[in-house]
Structures are given as structure tokens and as C-alpha cells.
Amino acid sequence: MRGVMVRAARAAGVAPVALSFVGVLWVWKQRLTDPRVGRSTWWRARVEELGQPRLPPRRKRQLPAGRKTTRSRWPVKKEHHQQGPLPTLTLINVANP
């Protein structure tokens, strides 16, 4: 469906995100079984018609979206809390020196 919306948006000369998905889906369901025309004529007419349902322009946000803060009761680990590399263990085979 999104691919069809992209084609319809290009034919209408608008961005694909400007089309209403629900509106396009409604038009698609209504016209899917239209027996009056041939396939190529039907497809061209549907692409043109699917480019019509548009979304209203978005309103400007009063406050920009921000990152939510975590509500942890534990303090954030600082750089000086980080441990150094873990010690390594070297095994020595006593049977074969």
C-alpha cells in the first residue's frame, strides 16, 4: 500500500507523507472491484484518485520534543567508578615444563 501511495504522490506532485493513509485505504477499498473499466485505465484512474486524500498541515509545536529523563533512584555511574581491565589468569602445565 505504501508503494502505491508513493506512486500516487509522485503523480500528484506532493510528498508521500502528505497523503492520508486512512484516506488512501478507504479509496482503495471502495474502488478495488470496479468492473466498468479495463486494467490499465483502472490503474491510471486509481493512482490519480489516490493522490487526493491529503493530511492537514501540522501545527507548530509549542515545546519541541525532548528526551525523557529516567526515574532511577540509583545514581548514574561516573567515569571514576569504572573498573580497569579484568586480571588475566595464566595456566602453567607442570607436567611438561
Protein backbone atom coordinates (compact mmCIF):
# COMPACT_ATOMS: atom_id res chain seq x y z
CA MET A 1 0.00 0.00 0.00
CA ARG A 2 2.86 2.39 0.77
CA GLY A 3 4.32 1.73 -2.68
CA VAL A 4 1.01 2.66 -4.29
CA MET A 5 0.94 5.79 -2.12
CA VAL A 6 4.41 6.77 -3.36
CA ARG A 7 3.29 6.43 -6.99
CA ALA A 8 0.12 8.41 -6.31
CA ALA A 9 2.08 11.13 -4.53
CA ARG A 10 4.54 11.43 -7.41
CA ALA A 11 1.66 11.67 -9.88
CA ALA A 12 0.01 14.36 -7.74
CA GLY A 13 3.31 16.23 -7.24
CA VAL A 14 3.31 16.03 -3.43
CA ALA A 15 5.41 14.28 -0.80
CA PRO A 16 4.25 10.76 0.12
CA VAL A 17 3.97 11.78 3.79
CA ALA A 18 1.38 14.39 2.80
CA LEU A 19 -1.13 11.68 1.85
CA SER A 20 -3.55 10.28 4.39
CA PHE A 21 -3.05 6.53 4.80
CA VAL A 22 -6.60 6.01 6.04
CA GLY A 23 -7.99 8.11 3.18
CA VAL A 24 -5.99 6.20 0.59
CA LEU A 25 -7.03 2.89 2.14
CA TRP A 26 -10.70 3.93 2.02
CA VAL A 27 -10.47 4.93 -1.66
CA TRP A 28 -8.63 1.68 -2.44
CA LYS A 29 -11.31 -0.47 -0.77
CA GLN A 30 -14.12 1.41 -2.50
CA ARG A 31 -12.62 1.17 -5.99
CA LEU A 32 -10.98 -2.26 -5.84
CA THR A 33 -13.84 -4.09 -7.53
CA ASP A 34 -14.82 -1.51 -10.15
CA PRO A 35 -15.75 -3.69 -13.17
CA ARG A 36 -16.57 -0.83 -15.54
CA VAL A 37 -13.10 -0.21 -16.99
CA GLY A 38 -10.03 -2.11 -18.24
CA ARG A 39 -6.96 -2.74 -16.08
CA SER A 40 -4.66 -0.02 -17.41
CA THR A 41 -7.41 2.59 -17.40
CA TRP A 42 -8.46 1.48 -13.92
CA TRP A 43 -4.88 1.69 -12.61
CA ARG A 44 -4.26 5.19 -14.00
CA ALA A 45 -7.55 6.42 -12.59
CA ARG A 46 -6.80 4.89 -9.17
CA VAL A 47 -3.31 6.38 -8.96
CA GLU A 48 -4.75 9.79 -9.76
CA GLU A 49 -7.58 9.36 -7.26
CA LEU A 50 -5.30 8.02 -4.52
CA GLY A 51 -3.27 11.22 -4.68
CA GLN A 52 -6.26 13.25 -3.48
CA PRO A 53 -6.73 12.43 0.25
CA ARG A 54 -4.30 14.80 1.95
CA LEU A 55 -3.38 15.35 5.55
CA PRO A 56 -3.96 18.77 7.08
CA PRO A 57 -0.76 20.77 7.69
CA ARG A 58 0.86 20.10 11.05
CA ARG A 59 0.64 22.78 13.68
CA LYS A 60 3.84 24.20 15.06
CA ARG A 61 4.86 22.71 18.39
CA GLN A 62 4.93 25.00 21.38
CA LEU A 63 7.64 22.94 23.01
CA PRO A 64 9.98 20.76 21.00
CA ALA A 65 10.03 17.07 21.79
CA GLY A 66 12.80 16.22 24.21
CA ARG A 67 14.39 13.19 25.74
CA LYS A 68 12.67 11.85 28.81
CA THR A 69 14.73 11.56 31.95
CA THR A 70 14.94 8.24 33.72
CA ARG A 71 13.46 7.96 37.17
CA SER A 72 16.00 5.71 38.75
CA ARG A 73 16.77 6.03 42.43
CA TRP A 74 20.33 4.91 41.79
CA PRO A 75 22.97 7.47 40.88
CA VAL A 76 24.48 7.47 37.40
CA LYS A 77 27.84 5.69 37.20
CA LYS A 78 30.64 8.20 36.69
CA GLU A 79 33.92 7.69 34.89
CA HIS A 80 35.91 7.28 38.12
CA HIS A 81 33.61 4.38 39.10
CA GLN A 82 34.66 2.36 36.07
CA GLN A 83 36.94 -0.58 36.75
CA GLY A 84 40.14 -1.16 34.88
CA PRO A 85 40.71 -4.26 32.75
CA LEU A 86 39.99 -7.57 34.42
CA PRO A 87 43.04 -9.54 35.60
CA THR A 88 44.07 -12.48 33.46
CA LEU A 89 44.94 -15.94 34.67
CA THR A 90 47.90 -17.78 33.20
CA LEU A 91 47.89 -21.56 33.50
CA ILE A 92 51.20 -23.41 33.70
CA ASN A 93 51.38 -27.05 32.79
CA VAL A 94 53.64 -28.61 35.43
CA ALA A 95 53.86 -31.99 33.71
CA ASN A 96 55.53 -30.53 30.59
CA PRO A 97 57.95 -27.75 31.56
